[in-house]
Structure formats: structure tokens, C-alpha cells
């Protein structure tokens, strides 16, 4: 008989957050081949993060909620704001190690969206440097 168990992160994965700015700790940034398309091969850069608190108010109602999003090599321009939130000056021809974001914090705007008939949290590539005047309440 198959047995399963859940951790706190697993139970919070489906929790829908109120749209807004959230301080997020980046857990990891990976790299994997994307599904082959008619436009040719590409690479996905999956990002895993965890909400620490509301980036405007410091409220911890959604602390611990995991967020996952993705950059793709064919639309890598969406990573510019992500890097700039860490103070990186993005210039053409310069290489960046996305994995170096792991362990760092930034503010991410989280929206709600629908996917296959269910509501979920969505990171639609809006980032900012953490506000110095906001701390966990």
C-alpha cells in the first residue's frame, strides 16, 4: 500500500495569497531543457522561492507559502527586472549566473491566475529591491 506524508511546504503550496508585493527568499534557480517546440530548442530556468512577509506592510499572513516561476531562454528579457532588483546592471553581451540568486531576498508582485480551472499564485515578472522601511510585523 502506498503511503505518503506532507511537510508544511507541501500543505502551503496551494494556498492562494492576496495579490500584492511580497518579500521572497529565493531557494533555488535551476536549469533544464524546455519541451521541444516548432521554434527549436530552449532552456528553462525554474525559480523556487518562499514568501517571508508582505513587502509593503510586513504582515506574515502568507509566510511560508512557496512560489514557483520560470524564465525561458527564448524570452530571457523577463529576467532583467529580477536581476535589477538585486542591484545588477544588465548590459547586452554580459553573462549572469542566475543560480547566484539562491539565498537572497527580493520583493515579488504575486497575482492570482487560473490554470486548468483552478486558481493559483502567479509571478508575472514584476520585481523590486526590498524596501528598507518594511520589516516582518
N, C-alpha and C. Protein backbone atom coordinates (compact mmCIF):
# COMPACT_ATOMS: atom_id res chain seq x y z
N UNK A 1 0.85 -1.17 0.00
CA UNK A 1 0.00 0.00 0.00
C UNK A 1 0.90 1.25 0.00
N UNK A 2 0.67 2.18 -0.94
CA UNK A 2 1.47 3.40 -0.96
C UNK A 2 1.13 4.29 0.24
N UNK A 3 2.16 4.79 0.88
CA UNK A 3 1.96 5.76 1.96
C UNK A 3 2.67 7.06 1.58
N UNK A 4 2.04 8.13 1.96
CA UNK A 4 2.61 9.45 1.68
C UNK A 4 2.56 10.28 2.96
N UNK A 5 3.37 11.33 2.97
CA UNK A 5 3.30 12.29 4.06
C UNK A 5 3.53 13.67 3.47
N UNK A 6 3.15 14.67 4.24
CA UNK A 6 3.25 16.05 3.78
C UNK A 6 4.06 16.87 4.77
N UNK A 7 4.87 17.76 4.23
CA UNK A 7 5.56 18.75 5.06
C UNK A 7 4.77 20.05 5.04
N UNK A 8 5.18 20.98 5.86
CA UNK A 8 4.50 22.28 5.90
C UNK A 8 4.48 22.95 4.53
N UNK A 9 5.60 22.88 3.81
CA UNK A 9 5.71 23.49 2.48
C UNK A 9 4.68 22.87 1.52
N UNK A 10 4.52 21.57 1.60
CA UNK A 10 3.54 20.88 0.74
C UNK A 10 2.12 21.38 1.01
N UNK A 11 1.79 21.54 2.26
CA UNK A 11 0.44 21.97 2.63
C UNK A 11 0.16 23.42 2.26
N UNK A 12 1.21 24.24 2.22
CA UNK A 12 1.03 25.65 1.87
C UNK A 12 1.08 25.90 0.36
N UNK A 13 1.51 24.93 -0.41
CA UNK A 13 1.70 25.12 -1.85
C UNK A 13 0.43 25.60 -2.55
N UNK A 14 -0.73 25.13 -2.16
CA UNK A 14 -1.97 25.52 -2.82
C UNK A 14 -2.67 26.71 -2.19
N UNK A 15 -2.06 27.33 -1.18
CA UNK A 15 -2.70 28.46 -0.51
C UNK A 15 -2.66 29.69 -1.41
N UNK A 16 -3.82 30.23 -1.70
CA UNK A 16 -3.94 31.40 -2.56
C UNK A 16 -3.67 32.65 -1.72
N UNK A 17 -2.72 33.48 -2.16
CA UNK A 17 -2.39 34.70 -1.43
C UNK A 17 -3.14 35.89 -2.02
N UNK A 18 -3.33 36.91 -1.21
CA UNK A 18 -3.92 38.15 -1.69
C UNK A 18 -2.91 38.83 -2.60
N UNK A 19 -3.30 39.24 -3.81
CA UNK A 19 -2.34 39.89 -4.71
C UNK A 19 -1.64 41.07 -4.04
N UNK A 20 -0.34 41.17 -4.27
CA UNK A 20 0.44 42.25 -3.70
C UNK A 20 1.93 41.95 -3.76
N UNK A 21 2.71 42.85 -3.18
CA UNK A 21 4.17 42.71 -3.10
C UNK A 21 4.52 41.87 -1.89
N UNK A 22 5.38 40.87 -2.09
CA UNK A 22 5.82 40.00 -1.01
C UNK A 22 7.34 39.88 -1.02
N UNK A 23 7.93 39.92 0.19
CA UNK A 23 9.35 39.64 0.33
C UNK A 23 9.51 38.13 0.18
N UNK A 24 10.37 37.75 -0.74
CA UNK A 24 10.55 36.34 -1.08
C UNK A 24 12.02 35.96 -0.94
N UNK A 25 12.26 34.83 -0.33
CA UNK A 25 13.61 34.27 -0.29
C UNK A 25 13.72 33.29 -1.45
N UNK A 26 14.73 33.47 -2.27
CA UNK A 26 14.96 32.57 -3.40
C UNK A 26 15.63 31.31 -2.86
N UNK A 27 14.98 30.18 -3.02
CA UNK A 27 15.52 28.91 -2.55
C UNK A 27 16.48 28.32 -3.58
N UNK A 28 16.10 28.39 -4.86
CA UNK A 28 16.96 27.83 -5.90
C UNK A 28 16.56 28.37 -7.27
N UNK A 29 17.54 28.33 -8.18
CA UNK A 29 17.29 28.61 -9.60
C UNK A 29 17.97 27.47 -10.35
N UNK A 30 17.18 26.74 -11.12
CA UNK A 30 17.71 25.59 -11.83
C UNK A 30 17.88 25.84 -13.31
N UNK A 31 18.18 24.77 -14.01
CA UNK A 31 18.35 24.83 -15.46
C UNK A 31 17.95 23.48 -16.02
N UNK A 32 17.09 23.48 -17.04
CA UNK A 32 16.63 22.24 -17.64
C UNK A 32 16.19 22.50 -19.08
N UNK A 33 16.36 21.51 -19.95
CA UNK A 33 15.88 21.70 -21.32
C UNK A 33 14.36 21.88 -21.31
N UNK A 34 13.88 22.80 -22.14
CA UNK A 34 12.44 23.01 -22.27
C UNK A 34 11.88 21.99 -23.26
N UNK A 35 10.58 21.84 -23.22
CA UNK A 35 9.91 20.96 -24.16
C UNK A 35 10.17 21.48 -25.57
N UNK A 36 10.53 20.59 -26.47
CA UNK A 36 10.83 20.95 -27.85
C UNK A 36 9.61 21.60 -28.51
N UNK A 37 9.84 22.71 -29.20
CA UNK A 37 8.76 23.38 -29.91
C UNK A 37 9.14 23.54 -31.37
N UNK A 38 8.19 24.03 -32.15
CA UNK A 38 8.46 24.27 -33.58
C UNK A 38 9.50 25.37 -33.78
N UNK A 39 9.75 26.17 -32.74
CA UNK A 39 10.75 27.24 -32.82
C UNK A 39 12.15 26.77 -32.45
N UNK A 40 12.29 25.47 -32.15
CA UNK A 40 13.59 24.92 -31.81
C UNK A 40 13.79 24.76 -30.31
N UNK A 41 14.97 24.28 -29.92
CA UNK A 41 15.24 24.00 -28.51
C UNK A 41 15.41 25.29 -27.69
N UNK A 42 15.11 25.19 -26.41
CA UNK A 42 15.32 26.29 -25.49
C UNK A 42 15.58 25.72 -24.10
N UNK A 43 15.93 26.60 -23.18
CA UNK A 43 16.25 26.18 -21.82
C UNK A 43 15.34 26.91 -20.84
N UNK A 44 14.82 26.16 -19.87
CA UNK A 44 14.04 26.74 -18.79
C UNK A 44 14.95 26.96 -17.59
N UNK A 45 14.66 28.04 -16.86
CA UNK A 45 15.37 28.36 -15.61
C UNK A 45 14.31 28.47 -14.51
N UNK A 46 13.93 27.32 -13.90
CA UNK A 46 12.90 27.35 -12.87
C UNK A 46 13.40 27.98 -11.57
N UNK A 47 12.57 28.85 -11.00
CA UNK A 47 12.91 29.55 -9.76
C UNK A 47 11.96 29.07 -8.67
N UNK A 48 12.51 28.75 -7.51
CA UNK A 48 11.71 28.38 -6.35
C UNK A 48 11.98 29.40 -5.26
N UNK A 49 10.91 29.94 -4.69
CA UNK A 49 11.04 30.91 -3.62
C UNK A 49 10.00 30.67 -2.54
N UNK A 50 10.17 31.36 -1.42
CA UNK A 50 9.24 31.24 -0.30
C UNK A 50 8.91 32.64 0.22
N UNK A 51 7.62 32.90 0.40
CA UNK A 51 7.18 34.18 0.95
C UNK A 51 7.64 34.29 2.40
N UNK A 52 8.22 35.46 2.74
CA UNK A 52 8.64 35.74 4.11
C UNK A 52 7.59 36.62 4.78
N UNK A 53 7.19 37.70 4.09
CA UNK A 53 6.16 38.60 4.61
C UNK A 53 5.71 39.53 3.49
N UNK A 54 4.65 40.28 3.74
CA UNK A 54 4.16 41.26 2.79
C UNK A 54 5.20 42.37 2.66
N UNK A 55 5.61 42.67 1.44
CA UNK A 55 6.66 43.64 1.19
C UNK A 55 6.26 45.09 1.42
N UNK A 56 4.97 45.36 1.60
CA UNK A 56 4.50 46.72 1.87
C UNK A 56 4.15 46.94 3.34
N UNK A 57 3.64 45.89 4.00
CA UNK A 57 3.13 46.05 5.36
C UNK A 57 3.89 45.26 6.41
N UNK A 58 4.65 44.25 5.99
CA UNK A 58 5.35 43.38 6.94
C UNK A 58 4.48 42.27 7.50
N UNK A 59 3.21 42.22 7.09
CA UNK A 59 2.29 41.20 7.57
C UNK A 59 2.78 39.80 7.17
N UNK A 60 2.69 38.84 8.10
CA UNK A 60 3.20 37.49 7.87
C UNK A 60 2.10 36.45 7.60
N UNK A 61 0.91 36.92 7.22
CA UNK A 61 -0.21 36.00 6.99
C UNK A 61 0.15 34.89 6.00
N UNK A 62 0.94 35.20 4.98
CA UNK A 62 1.25 34.21 3.95
C UNK A 62 2.70 33.71 4.03
N UNK A 63 3.35 33.94 5.16
CA UNK A 63 4.72 33.46 5.36
C UNK A 63 4.78 31.95 5.15
N UNK A 64 5.78 31.51 4.42
CA UNK A 64 5.98 30.09 4.18
C UNK A 64 5.37 29.56 2.90
N UNK A 65 4.51 30.37 2.25
CA UNK A 65 3.88 29.91 1.01
C UNK A 65 4.95 29.84 -0.09
N UNK A 66 5.11 28.67 -0.70
CA UNK A 66 6.11 28.55 -1.77
C UNK A 66 5.60 29.14 -3.08
N UNK A 67 6.51 29.71 -3.84
CA UNK A 67 6.21 30.25 -5.17
C UNK A 67 7.17 29.63 -6.17
N UNK A 68 6.66 29.28 -7.32
CA UNK A 68 7.49 28.75 -8.39
C UNK A 68 7.20 29.53 -9.66
N UNK A 69 8.25 29.90 -10.38
CA UNK A 69 8.07 30.53 -11.68
C UNK A 69 9.25 30.18 -12.55
N UNK A 70 9.24 30.67 -13.76
CA UNK A 70 10.19 30.19 -14.74
C UNK A 70 10.65 31.30 -15.66
N UNK A 71 11.92 31.26 -16.03
CA UNK A 71 12.43 32.06 -17.14
C UNK A 71 12.74 31.07 -18.26
N UNK A 72 12.64 31.54 -19.50
CA UNK A 72 12.97 30.69 -20.65
C UNK A 72 13.98 31.42 -21.51
N UNK A 73 14.91 30.68 -22.05
CA UNK A 73 15.99 31.29 -22.84
C UNK A 73 15.49 32.06 -24.05
N UNK A 74 14.31 31.71 -24.57
CA UNK A 74 13.78 32.43 -25.74
C UNK A 74 13.08 33.74 -25.36
N UNK A 75 12.87 33.94 -24.07
CA UNK A 75 12.27 35.20 -23.60
C UNK A 75 13.03 35.65 -22.35
N UNK A 76 14.34 35.58 -22.40
CA UNK A 76 15.17 35.84 -21.23
C UNK A 76 15.10 37.29 -20.77
N UNK A 77 14.59 38.17 -21.61
CA UNK A 77 14.41 39.56 -21.21
C UNK A 77 13.57 39.72 -19.95
N UNK A 78 12.71 38.73 -19.65
CA UNK A 78 11.90 38.79 -18.44
C UNK A 78 12.75 38.67 -17.18
N UNK A 79 14.00 38.24 -17.31
CA UNK A 79 14.90 38.13 -16.16
C UNK A 79 15.59 39.45 -15.82
N UNK A 80 15.47 40.46 -16.68
CA UNK A 80 16.14 41.74 -16.45
C UNK A 80 15.69 42.36 -15.13
N UNK A 81 14.40 42.48 -14.90
CA UNK A 81 13.89 43.07 -13.66
C UNK A 81 14.29 42.28 -12.43
N UNK A 82 14.34 40.96 -12.56
CA UNK A 82 14.78 40.07 -11.48
C UNK A 82 16.21 40.43 -11.08
N UNK A 83 17.10 40.51 -12.05
CA UNK A 83 18.50 40.85 -11.78
C UNK A 83 18.65 42.28 -11.25
N UNK A 84 17.90 43.21 -11.83
CA UNK A 84 17.99 44.60 -11.38
C UNK A 84 17.54 44.76 -9.94
N UNK A 85 16.58 43.93 -9.48
CA UNK A 85 16.13 44.00 -8.09
C UNK A 85 17.25 43.65 -7.12
N UNK A 86 18.27 42.94 -7.60
CA UNK A 86 19.44 42.60 -6.79
C UNK A 86 20.57 43.62 -6.99
N UNK A 87 20.30 44.68 -7.75
CA UNK A 87 21.30 45.72 -7.97
C UNK A 87 22.24 45.44 -9.13
N UNK A 88 21.91 44.46 -9.95
CA UNK A 88 22.76 44.12 -11.10
C UNK A 88 22.47 45.07 -12.25
N UNK A 89 23.51 45.60 -12.84
CA UNK A 89 23.36 46.43 -14.04
C UNK A 89 23.40 45.49 -15.24
N UNK A 90 22.28 45.37 -15.93
CA UNK A 90 22.17 44.43 -17.05
C UNK A 90 22.57 45.13 -18.34
N UNK A 91 23.57 44.58 -19.02
CA UNK A 91 24.05 45.11 -20.29
C UNK A 91 24.11 43.99 -21.31
N UNK A 92 23.91 44.33 -22.56
CA UNK A 92 24.00 43.35 -23.64
C UNK A 92 25.40 42.74 -23.66
N UNK A 93 25.45 41.43 -23.91
CA UNK A 93 26.72 40.74 -24.03
C UNK A 93 27.34 40.30 -22.72
N UNK A 94 26.74 40.67 -21.59
CA UNK A 94 27.26 40.28 -20.28
C UNK A 94 26.55 39.02 -19.82
N UNK A 95 27.31 38.09 -19.22
CA UNK A 95 26.72 36.85 -18.72
C UNK A 95 26.43 36.96 -17.23
N UNK A 96 25.35 36.32 -16.81
CA UNK A 96 24.92 36.36 -15.42
C UNK A 96 24.64 34.93 -14.95
N UNK A 97 24.99 34.65 -13.71
CA UNK A 97 24.72 33.36 -13.10
C UNK A 97 23.43 33.48 -12.29
N UNK A 98 22.31 33.03 -12.86
CA UNK A 98 21.02 33.14 -12.16
C UNK A 98 21.02 32.38 -10.84
N UNK A 99 21.76 31.28 -10.77
CA UNK A 99 21.79 30.47 -9.55
C UNK A 99 22.38 31.24 -8.36
N UNK A 100 23.13 32.31 -8.62
CA UNK A 100 23.70 33.09 -7.53
C UNK A 100 22.61 33.84 -6.74
N UNK A 101 21.39 33.85 -7.24
CA UNK A 101 20.28 34.48 -6.52
C UNK A 101 19.81 33.63 -5.34
N UNK A 102 20.15 32.34 -5.33
CA UNK A 102 19.72 31.45 -4.25
C UNK A 102 20.19 31.98 -2.90
N UNK A 103 19.27 32.02 -1.94
CA UNK A 103 19.57 32.51 -0.61
C UNK A 103 19.35 34.00 -0.44
N UNK A 104 19.08 34.70 -1.53
CA UNK A 104 18.88 36.15 -1.46
C UNK A 104 17.39 36.48 -1.39
N UNK A 105 17.09 37.72 -1.04
CA UNK A 105 15.70 38.16 -0.92
C UNK A 105 15.42 39.32 -1.87
N UNK A 106 14.19 39.37 -2.36
CA UNK A 106 13.71 40.48 -3.16
C UNK A 106 12.20 40.56 -2.99
N UNK A 107 11.61 41.65 -3.46
CA UNK A 107 10.16 41.79 -3.43
C UNK A 107 9.62 41.36 -4.80
N UNK A 108 8.58 40.54 -4.76
CA UNK A 108 7.96 39.99 -5.95
C UNK A 108 6.48 40.32 -5.90
N UNK A 109 5.91 40.77 -7.02
CA UNK A 109 4.48 41.01 -7.06
C UNK A 109 3.79 39.70 -7.43
N UNK A 110 2.92 39.24 -6.54
CA UNK A 110 2.20 37.98 -6.74
C UNK A 110 0.77 38.30 -7.14
N UNK A 111 0.34 37.68 -8.23
CA UNK A 111 -1.03 37.83 -8.74
C UNK A 111 -1.73 36.48 -8.59
N UNK A 112 -3.02 36.48 -8.82
CA UNK A 112 -3.78 35.23 -8.89
C UNK A 112 -4.16 35.01 -10.34
N UNK A 113 -4.09 33.77 -10.76
CA UNK A 113 -4.47 33.42 -12.13
C UNK A 113 -5.13 32.06 -12.15
N UNK A 114 -5.74 31.75 -13.26
CA UNK A 114 -6.42 30.47 -13.41
C UNK A 114 -5.62 29.58 -14.34
N UNK A 115 -5.47 28.33 -13.96
CA UNK A 115 -4.79 27.34 -14.80
C UNK A 115 -5.56 26.04 -14.70
N UNK A 116 -6.02 25.54 -15.82
CA UNK A 116 -6.78 24.29 -15.89
C UNK A 116 -7.93 24.27 -14.89
N UNK A 117 -8.63 25.41 -14.81
CA UNK A 117 -9.83 25.50 -13.98
C UNK A 117 -9.59 25.73 -12.50
N UNK A 118 -8.35 25.94 -12.09
CA UNK A 118 -8.10 26.19 -10.67
C UNK A 118 -7.30 27.48 -10.50
N UNK A 119 -7.54 28.16 -9.39
CA UNK A 119 -6.84 29.40 -9.10
C UNK A 119 -5.49 29.09 -8.48
N UNK A 120 -4.51 29.91 -8.83
CA UNK A 120 -3.17 29.73 -8.28
C UNK A 120 -2.45 31.05 -8.18
N UNK A 121 -1.33 31.04 -7.46
CA UNK A 121 -0.48 32.22 -7.34
C UNK A 121 0.40 32.29 -8.57
N UNK A 122 0.58 33.50 -9.09
CA UNK A 122 1.36 33.67 -10.31
C UNK A 122 2.33 34.83 -10.15
N UNK A 123 3.58 34.56 -10.50
CA UNK A 123 4.60 35.60 -10.56
C UNK A 123 4.70 36.01 -12.01
N UNK A 124 4.31 37.24 -12.31
CA UNK A 124 4.27 37.70 -13.69
C UNK A 124 5.40 38.70 -13.96
N UNK A 125 6.58 38.37 -13.42
CA UNK A 125 7.83 39.10 -13.71
C UNK A 125 7.81 40.57 -13.32
N UNK A 126 7.31 40.84 -12.11
CA UNK A 126 7.38 42.18 -11.53
C UNK A 126 8.19 42.05 -10.25
N UNK A 127 9.34 42.73 -10.23
CA UNK A 127 10.28 42.62 -9.12
C UNK A 127 10.74 44.00 -8.68
N UNK A 128 11.17 44.09 -7.42
CA UNK A 128 11.78 45.32 -6.93
C UNK A 128 12.75 44.96 -5.81
N UNK A 129 13.69 45.86 -5.56
CA UNK A 129 14.60 45.69 -4.43
C UNK A 129 13.77 45.76 -3.15
N UNK A 130 14.14 45.00 -2.13
CA UNK A 130 13.39 45.05 -0.86
C UNK A 130 13.38 46.46 -0.29
N UNK A 131 12.23 46.89 0.18
CA UNK A 131 12.11 48.19 0.83
C UNK A 131 12.77 48.12 2.20
N UNK A 132 13.64 49.08 2.46
CA UNK A 132 14.38 49.11 3.72
C UNK A 132 13.48 49.43 4.91
N UNK A 133 12.36 50.12 4.66
CA UNK A 133 11.48 50.56 5.74
C UNK A 133 10.43 49.53 6.13
N UNK A 134 10.43 48.35 5.49
CA UNK A 134 9.42 47.34 5.81
C UNK A 134 10.11 46.10 6.37
N UNK A 135 9.64 45.68 7.54
CA UNK A 135 10.16 44.51 8.21
C UNK A 135 8.99 43.66 8.67
N UNK A 136 9.25 42.39 8.97
CA UNK A 136 8.19 41.50 9.41
C UNK A 136 7.49 42.07 10.64
N UNK A 137 6.15 42.02 10.59
CA UNK A 137 5.35 42.54 11.71
C UNK A 137 5.27 41.53 12.84
